N, C-alpha and C. Protein backbone atom coordinates (compact mmCIF):
# COMPACT_ATOMS: atom_id res chain seq x y z
N MET A 1 179.75 139.29 -14.06
CA MET A 1 178.70 139.10 -15.05
C MET A 1 179.31 138.65 -16.37
N GLN A 2 178.68 137.66 -17.00
CA GLN A 2 179.18 137.16 -18.27
C GLN A 2 178.79 138.09 -19.42
N ARG A 3 179.62 138.09 -20.44
CA ARG A 3 179.37 138.89 -21.63
C ARG A 3 178.49 138.11 -22.60
N PRO A 4 177.40 138.69 -23.07
CA PRO A 4 176.56 137.98 -24.04
C PRO A 4 177.35 137.62 -25.30
N ARG A 5 177.05 136.46 -25.86
CA ARG A 5 177.74 135.99 -27.06
C ARG A 5 177.04 136.43 -28.33
N GLY A 6 175.74 136.61 -28.27
CA GLY A 6 175.01 136.98 -29.47
C GLY A 6 173.54 136.66 -29.35
N GLN A 7 172.86 136.76 -30.46
CA GLN A 7 171.43 136.52 -30.53
C GLN A 7 171.17 135.38 -31.50
N TRP A 8 170.29 134.44 -31.12
CA TRP A 8 169.98 133.31 -31.99
C TRP A 8 169.11 133.73 -33.15
N VAL A 9 169.45 133.25 -34.33
CA VAL A 9 168.60 133.38 -35.52
C VAL A 9 168.56 132.00 -36.17
N ASN A 10 167.49 131.72 -36.87
CA ASN A 10 167.33 130.42 -37.52
C ASN A 10 167.75 130.47 -38.98
N PHE A 11 168.38 129.40 -39.41
CA PHE A 11 168.68 129.23 -40.84
C PHE A 11 167.37 129.27 -41.63
N ASP A 12 166.38 128.54 -41.17
CA ASP A 12 165.06 128.50 -41.79
C ASP A 12 164.05 128.11 -40.71
N ASP A 13 163.08 128.98 -40.43
CA ASP A 13 162.14 128.73 -39.34
C ASP A 13 161.37 127.43 -39.50
N ASP A 14 160.80 127.19 -40.67
CA ASP A 14 159.97 126.00 -40.87
C ASP A 14 160.77 124.70 -40.70
N ILE A 15 161.94 124.67 -41.28
CA ILE A 15 162.79 123.47 -41.18
C ILE A 15 163.18 123.22 -39.73
N LEU A 16 163.59 124.28 -39.04
CA LEU A 16 164.08 124.09 -37.67
C LEU A 16 162.95 123.77 -36.70
N VAL A 17 161.77 124.31 -36.91
CA VAL A 17 160.63 123.93 -36.05
C VAL A 17 160.36 122.44 -36.21
N ALA A 18 160.35 121.96 -37.45
CA ALA A 18 160.13 120.53 -37.70
C ALA A 18 161.23 119.68 -37.06
N GLU A 19 162.48 120.11 -37.18
CA GLU A 19 163.58 119.35 -36.57
C GLU A 19 163.50 119.37 -35.05
N MET A 20 163.17 120.50 -34.47
CA MET A 20 163.05 120.58 -33.01
C MET A 20 161.96 119.64 -32.49
N ARG A 21 160.91 119.49 -33.28
CA ARG A 21 159.80 118.61 -32.85
C ARG A 21 160.21 117.14 -32.80
N THR A 22 161.32 116.77 -33.44
CA THR A 22 161.78 115.38 -33.38
C THR A 22 162.50 115.09 -32.06
N ILE A 23 162.83 116.12 -31.32
CA ILE A 23 163.51 115.95 -30.03
C ILE A 23 162.43 115.83 -28.96
N PRO A 24 162.43 114.73 -28.20
CA PRO A 24 161.38 114.55 -27.19
C PRO A 24 161.49 115.55 -26.05
N GLN A 25 160.33 115.88 -25.46
CA GLN A 25 160.34 116.67 -24.23
C GLN A 25 160.72 115.74 -23.09
N PRO A 26 161.39 116.14 -22.05
CA PRO A 26 161.79 117.51 -21.75
C PRO A 26 163.09 117.95 -22.41
N ASP A 27 163.72 117.05 -23.18
CA ASP A 27 165.02 117.37 -23.77
C ASP A 27 164.96 118.59 -24.69
N ARG A 28 163.87 118.73 -25.42
CA ARG A 28 163.73 119.89 -26.33
C ARG A 28 163.76 121.19 -25.52
N GLY A 29 162.99 121.22 -24.45
CA GLY A 29 162.96 122.41 -23.60
C GLY A 29 164.31 122.70 -22.96
N LEU A 30 165.02 121.64 -22.56
CA LEU A 30 166.34 121.82 -21.97
C LEU A 30 167.36 122.30 -23.00
N LEU A 31 167.20 121.88 -24.27
CA LEU A 31 168.07 122.39 -25.32
C LEU A 31 167.81 123.88 -25.54
N PHE A 32 166.55 124.28 -25.58
CA PHE A 32 166.22 125.72 -25.70
C PHE A 32 166.84 126.50 -24.54
N PHE A 33 166.74 125.95 -23.33
CA PHE A 33 167.30 126.60 -22.15
C PHE A 33 168.82 126.74 -22.29
N ALA A 34 169.49 125.68 -22.73
CA ALA A 34 170.95 125.73 -22.92
C ALA A 34 171.33 126.76 -23.97
N MET A 35 170.54 126.82 -25.06
CA MET A 35 170.82 127.81 -26.11
C MET A 35 170.68 129.23 -25.56
N GLN A 36 169.65 129.45 -24.78
CA GLN A 36 169.42 130.78 -24.20
C GLN A 36 170.57 131.16 -23.27
N ARG A 37 170.98 130.23 -22.42
CA ARG A 37 172.08 130.52 -21.49
C ARG A 37 173.39 130.74 -22.23
N PHE A 38 173.64 129.94 -23.26
CA PHE A 38 174.85 130.11 -24.06
C PHE A 38 174.90 131.50 -24.67
N ALA A 39 173.79 131.95 -25.24
CA ALA A 39 173.73 133.29 -25.86
C ALA A 39 174.02 134.38 -24.84
N GLN A 40 173.64 134.14 -23.59
CA GLN A 40 173.86 135.12 -22.53
C GLN A 40 175.28 135.07 -21.98
N GLY A 41 176.07 134.07 -22.41
CA GLY A 41 177.46 133.98 -21.96
C GLY A 41 177.69 132.99 -20.84
N ASP A 42 176.68 132.20 -20.48
CA ASP A 42 176.78 131.23 -19.39
C ASP A 42 177.17 129.88 -19.95
N ASP A 43 178.22 129.26 -19.42
CA ASP A 43 178.70 127.96 -19.89
C ASP A 43 178.29 126.80 -18.99
N ALA A 44 177.56 127.03 -17.93
CA ALA A 44 177.26 125.98 -16.95
C ALA A 44 176.21 125.00 -17.45
N GLY A 45 176.50 123.70 -17.30
CA GLY A 45 175.51 122.66 -17.54
C GLY A 45 175.36 122.19 -18.96
N PHE A 46 176.22 122.62 -19.86
CA PHE A 46 176.13 122.14 -21.24
C PHE A 46 177.52 122.11 -21.86
N THR A 47 177.59 121.48 -23.01
CA THR A 47 178.86 121.30 -23.71
C THR A 47 178.78 121.92 -25.10
N VAL A 48 179.86 122.54 -25.51
CA VAL A 48 179.98 123.06 -26.87
C VAL A 48 181.18 122.35 -27.51
N LYS A 49 180.95 121.73 -28.65
CA LYS A 49 182.02 121.05 -29.37
C LYS A 49 182.29 121.79 -30.66
N ASP A 50 183.56 122.01 -30.95
CA ASP A 50 183.99 122.72 -32.15
C ASP A 50 184.28 121.70 -33.26
N TYR A 51 183.55 121.80 -34.38
CA TYR A 51 183.77 120.92 -35.53
C TYR A 51 184.59 121.59 -36.61
N GLY A 52 185.20 122.73 -36.32
CA GLY A 52 186.03 123.43 -37.29
C GLY A 52 185.21 124.30 -38.23
N ASP A 53 185.88 125.20 -38.90
CA ASP A 53 185.25 126.13 -39.84
C ASP A 53 184.10 126.89 -39.19
N ASP A 54 184.24 127.20 -37.89
CA ASP A 54 183.24 127.98 -37.16
C ASP A 54 181.90 127.24 -37.04
N LEU A 55 181.92 125.91 -37.06
CA LEU A 55 180.73 125.09 -36.86
C LEU A 55 180.81 124.45 -35.48
N PHE A 56 179.75 124.60 -34.70
CA PHE A 56 179.74 124.11 -33.33
C PHE A 56 178.49 123.28 -33.05
N MET A 57 178.61 122.37 -32.07
CA MET A 57 177.47 121.63 -31.56
C MET A 57 177.25 122.05 -30.12
N LEU A 58 176.00 122.27 -29.76
CA LEU A 58 175.63 122.59 -28.39
C LEU A 58 174.74 121.48 -27.88
N LYS A 59 175.03 120.99 -26.66
CA LYS A 59 174.18 119.97 -26.06
C LYS A 59 174.10 120.17 -24.57
N LYS A 60 172.96 119.83 -24.02
CA LYS A 60 172.77 119.81 -22.57
C LYS A 60 173.30 118.48 -22.08
N LYS A 61 174.15 118.50 -21.08
CA LYS A 61 174.77 117.27 -20.58
C LYS A 61 173.70 116.26 -20.15
N GLY A 62 173.87 115.02 -20.64
CA GLY A 62 172.98 113.94 -20.26
C GLY A 62 171.63 113.93 -20.96
N ARG A 63 171.45 114.75 -21.99
CA ARG A 63 170.17 114.83 -22.71
C ARG A 63 170.36 114.55 -24.19
N SER A 64 169.25 114.28 -24.89
CA SER A 64 169.35 113.84 -26.28
C SER A 64 169.30 114.96 -27.31
N GLY A 65 168.88 116.16 -26.95
CA GLY A 65 168.79 117.26 -27.90
C GLY A 65 170.15 117.84 -28.25
N ARG A 66 170.35 118.09 -29.53
CA ARG A 66 171.60 118.68 -30.03
C ARG A 66 171.27 119.77 -31.04
N SER A 67 172.14 120.77 -31.12
CA SER A 67 171.99 121.78 -32.17
C SER A 67 173.36 122.05 -32.78
N LEU A 68 173.36 122.31 -34.09
CA LEU A 68 174.57 122.71 -34.80
C LEU A 68 174.37 124.15 -35.24
N PHE A 69 175.39 124.97 -35.01
CA PHE A 69 175.28 126.39 -35.31
C PHE A 69 176.63 126.97 -35.69
N PHE A 70 176.60 128.21 -36.17
CA PHE A 70 177.82 128.96 -36.38
C PHE A 70 177.56 130.41 -35.99
N THR A 71 178.64 131.16 -35.83
CA THR A 71 178.50 132.58 -35.49
C THR A 71 178.69 133.42 -36.74
N TYR A 72 177.93 134.50 -36.81
CA TYR A 72 177.98 135.39 -37.97
C TYR A 72 178.02 136.82 -37.44
N ASP A 73 179.10 137.54 -37.73
CA ASP A 73 179.23 138.92 -37.27
C ASP A 73 178.63 139.86 -38.29
N GLU A 74 177.67 140.65 -37.81
CA GLU A 74 177.06 141.68 -38.64
C GLU A 74 177.56 143.03 -38.13
N ARG A 75 177.07 144.08 -38.72
CA ARG A 75 177.57 145.42 -38.37
C ARG A 75 177.50 145.71 -36.87
N ASP A 76 176.35 145.48 -36.28
CA ASP A 76 176.15 145.91 -34.89
C ASP A 76 175.89 144.78 -33.92
N ARG A 77 176.04 143.51 -34.37
CA ARG A 77 175.78 142.40 -33.46
C ARG A 77 176.39 141.11 -34.00
N THR A 78 176.45 140.13 -33.12
CA THR A 78 176.85 138.78 -33.51
C THR A 78 175.61 137.90 -33.46
N SER A 79 175.38 137.17 -34.54
CA SER A 79 174.28 136.23 -34.59
C SER A 79 174.81 134.82 -34.37
N LEU A 80 174.06 134.05 -33.61
CA LEU A 80 174.31 132.62 -33.46
C LEU A 80 173.30 131.96 -34.38
N VAL A 81 173.73 131.45 -35.50
CA VAL A 81 172.82 130.95 -36.53
C VAL A 81 172.59 129.45 -36.31
N LEU A 82 171.37 129.13 -35.93
CA LEU A 82 170.98 127.74 -35.72
C LEU A 82 170.78 127.09 -37.08
N LEU A 83 171.60 126.09 -37.37
CA LEU A 83 171.57 125.43 -38.68
C LEU A 83 170.77 124.14 -38.67
N LEU A 84 170.80 123.42 -37.55
CA LEU A 84 170.23 122.08 -37.52
C LEU A 84 169.97 121.69 -36.07
N ALA A 85 168.87 120.99 -35.83
CA ALA A 85 168.56 120.44 -34.52
C ALA A 85 168.24 118.96 -34.71
N TYR A 86 168.69 118.13 -33.78
CA TYR A 86 168.47 116.70 -33.94
C TYR A 86 168.52 115.98 -32.60
N LYS A 87 168.00 114.75 -32.63
CA LYS A 87 168.03 113.88 -31.46
C LYS A 87 169.31 113.06 -31.50
N LYS A 88 169.97 112.98 -30.38
CA LYS A 88 171.24 112.26 -30.26
C LYS A 88 171.10 110.80 -30.70
N GLU A 89 172.06 110.38 -31.53
CA GLU A 89 172.18 108.97 -31.89
C GLU A 89 173.49 108.39 -31.36
N SER A 90 174.49 109.25 -31.17
CA SER A 90 175.79 108.84 -30.65
C SER A 90 176.45 110.08 -30.03
N ASP A 91 177.63 109.90 -29.48
CA ASP A 91 178.33 111.03 -28.87
C ASP A 91 178.78 112.06 -29.90
N GLU A 92 179.09 111.62 -31.10
CA GLU A 92 179.53 112.50 -32.17
C GLU A 92 178.35 112.82 -33.10
N ALA A 93 178.36 113.99 -33.69
CA ALA A 93 177.35 114.32 -34.70
C ALA A 93 177.62 113.44 -35.93
N PRO A 94 176.58 112.81 -36.47
CA PRO A 94 176.77 111.98 -37.66
C PRO A 94 177.32 112.81 -38.83
N PRO A 95 178.20 112.22 -39.63
CA PRO A 95 178.80 112.96 -40.76
C PRO A 95 177.78 113.57 -41.71
N ASN A 96 176.66 112.87 -41.94
CA ASN A 96 175.66 113.43 -42.86
C ASN A 96 175.03 114.70 -42.28
N LEU A 97 174.89 114.79 -40.96
CA LEU A 97 174.35 116.00 -40.35
C LEU A 97 175.36 117.14 -40.39
N ILE A 98 176.63 116.81 -40.23
CA ILE A 98 177.68 117.83 -40.35
C ILE A 98 177.68 118.40 -41.77
N ARG A 99 177.58 117.52 -42.77
CA ARG A 99 177.52 117.98 -44.16
C ARG A 99 176.30 118.88 -44.39
N THR A 100 175.14 118.46 -43.89
CA THR A 100 173.93 119.26 -44.04
C THR A 100 174.11 120.62 -43.39
N ALA A 101 174.67 120.66 -42.19
CA ALA A 101 174.88 121.93 -41.50
C ALA A 101 175.82 122.83 -42.30
N ARG A 102 176.87 122.28 -42.86
CA ARG A 102 177.81 123.08 -43.67
C ARG A 102 177.15 123.61 -44.93
N GLU A 103 176.31 122.79 -45.56
CA GLU A 103 175.58 123.25 -46.75
C GLU A 103 174.64 124.39 -46.37
N ARG A 104 173.93 124.23 -45.27
CA ARG A 104 173.01 125.29 -44.82
C ARG A 104 173.78 126.56 -44.48
N ARG A 105 174.95 126.41 -43.88
CA ARG A 105 175.78 127.59 -43.58
C ARG A 105 176.12 128.32 -44.87
N GLY A 106 176.51 127.58 -45.91
CA GLY A 106 176.82 128.18 -47.19
C GLY A 106 175.63 128.91 -47.79
N HIS A 107 174.45 128.29 -47.71
CA HIS A 107 173.22 128.94 -48.22
C HIS A 107 172.91 130.21 -47.44
N TYR A 108 173.07 130.14 -46.12
CA TYR A 108 172.79 131.31 -45.28
C TYR A 108 173.74 132.46 -45.64
N LEU A 109 175.03 132.15 -45.79
CA LEU A 109 176.00 133.19 -46.11
C LEU A 109 175.75 133.79 -47.49
N GLU A 110 175.38 132.96 -48.46
CA GLU A 110 175.04 133.48 -49.79
C GLU A 110 173.84 134.41 -49.73
N LYS A 111 172.84 134.01 -48.96
CA LYS A 111 171.64 134.84 -48.80
C LYS A 111 172.00 136.17 -48.13
N ARG A 112 172.85 136.13 -47.11
CA ARG A 112 173.27 137.35 -46.41
C ARG A 112 174.09 138.24 -47.35
N LYS A 113 174.94 137.63 -48.15
CA LYS A 113 175.77 138.40 -49.09
C LYS A 113 174.87 139.14 -50.07
N GLY A 114 173.84 138.48 -50.58
CA GLY A 114 172.90 139.11 -51.50
C GLY A 114 172.13 140.24 -50.83
N LYS A 115 171.77 140.04 -49.58
CA LYS A 115 171.04 141.07 -48.83
C LYS A 115 171.92 142.29 -48.61
N THR A 116 173.19 142.05 -48.28
CA THR A 116 174.12 143.15 -48.06
C THR A 116 174.32 143.96 -49.34
N ARG A 117 174.44 143.27 -50.49
CA ARG A 117 174.58 143.97 -51.77
C ARG A 117 173.37 144.85 -52.04
N ASN A 118 172.17 144.31 -51.80
CA ASN A 118 170.94 145.06 -52.02
C ASN A 118 170.83 146.28 -51.10
N GLU A 119 171.29 146.16 -49.86
CA GLU A 119 171.26 147.27 -48.91
C GLU A 119 172.18 148.40 -49.39
N ARG A 120 173.32 148.03 -49.98
CA ARG A 120 174.26 149.06 -50.46
C ARG A 120 173.75 149.78 -51.67
N THR A 121 172.95 149.14 -52.51
CA THR A 121 172.48 149.78 -53.73
C THR A 121 171.25 150.63 -53.50
N GLN A 122 170.65 150.56 -52.35
CA GLN A 122 169.44 151.35 -52.08
C GLN A 122 169.78 152.70 -51.48
């Protein structure tokens, strides 16, 4: 049995719903399926590419849906933070999308840092 990797959380629900809608069906559904399997620890049928600094791309082989994410360790769990979803334009993630994902990662971490400070003061 595979070890679960973590639980998916969104950088921003509204933004990511809009981005997911740009991915045509059935590719969108297959990307969701790949994300679910990845979180459960299953590597079959999809590819994960490491872009450094804990930024990764997940894609279902032969499909157009892509997601960029990073892992975030909290006290009692690991979160897989979905930063960006997009329709494939080439084999590599475009540099502007990598920049956007890194900026969103920074915003997410700042928000988490503020939340952690507030939890300690209460």
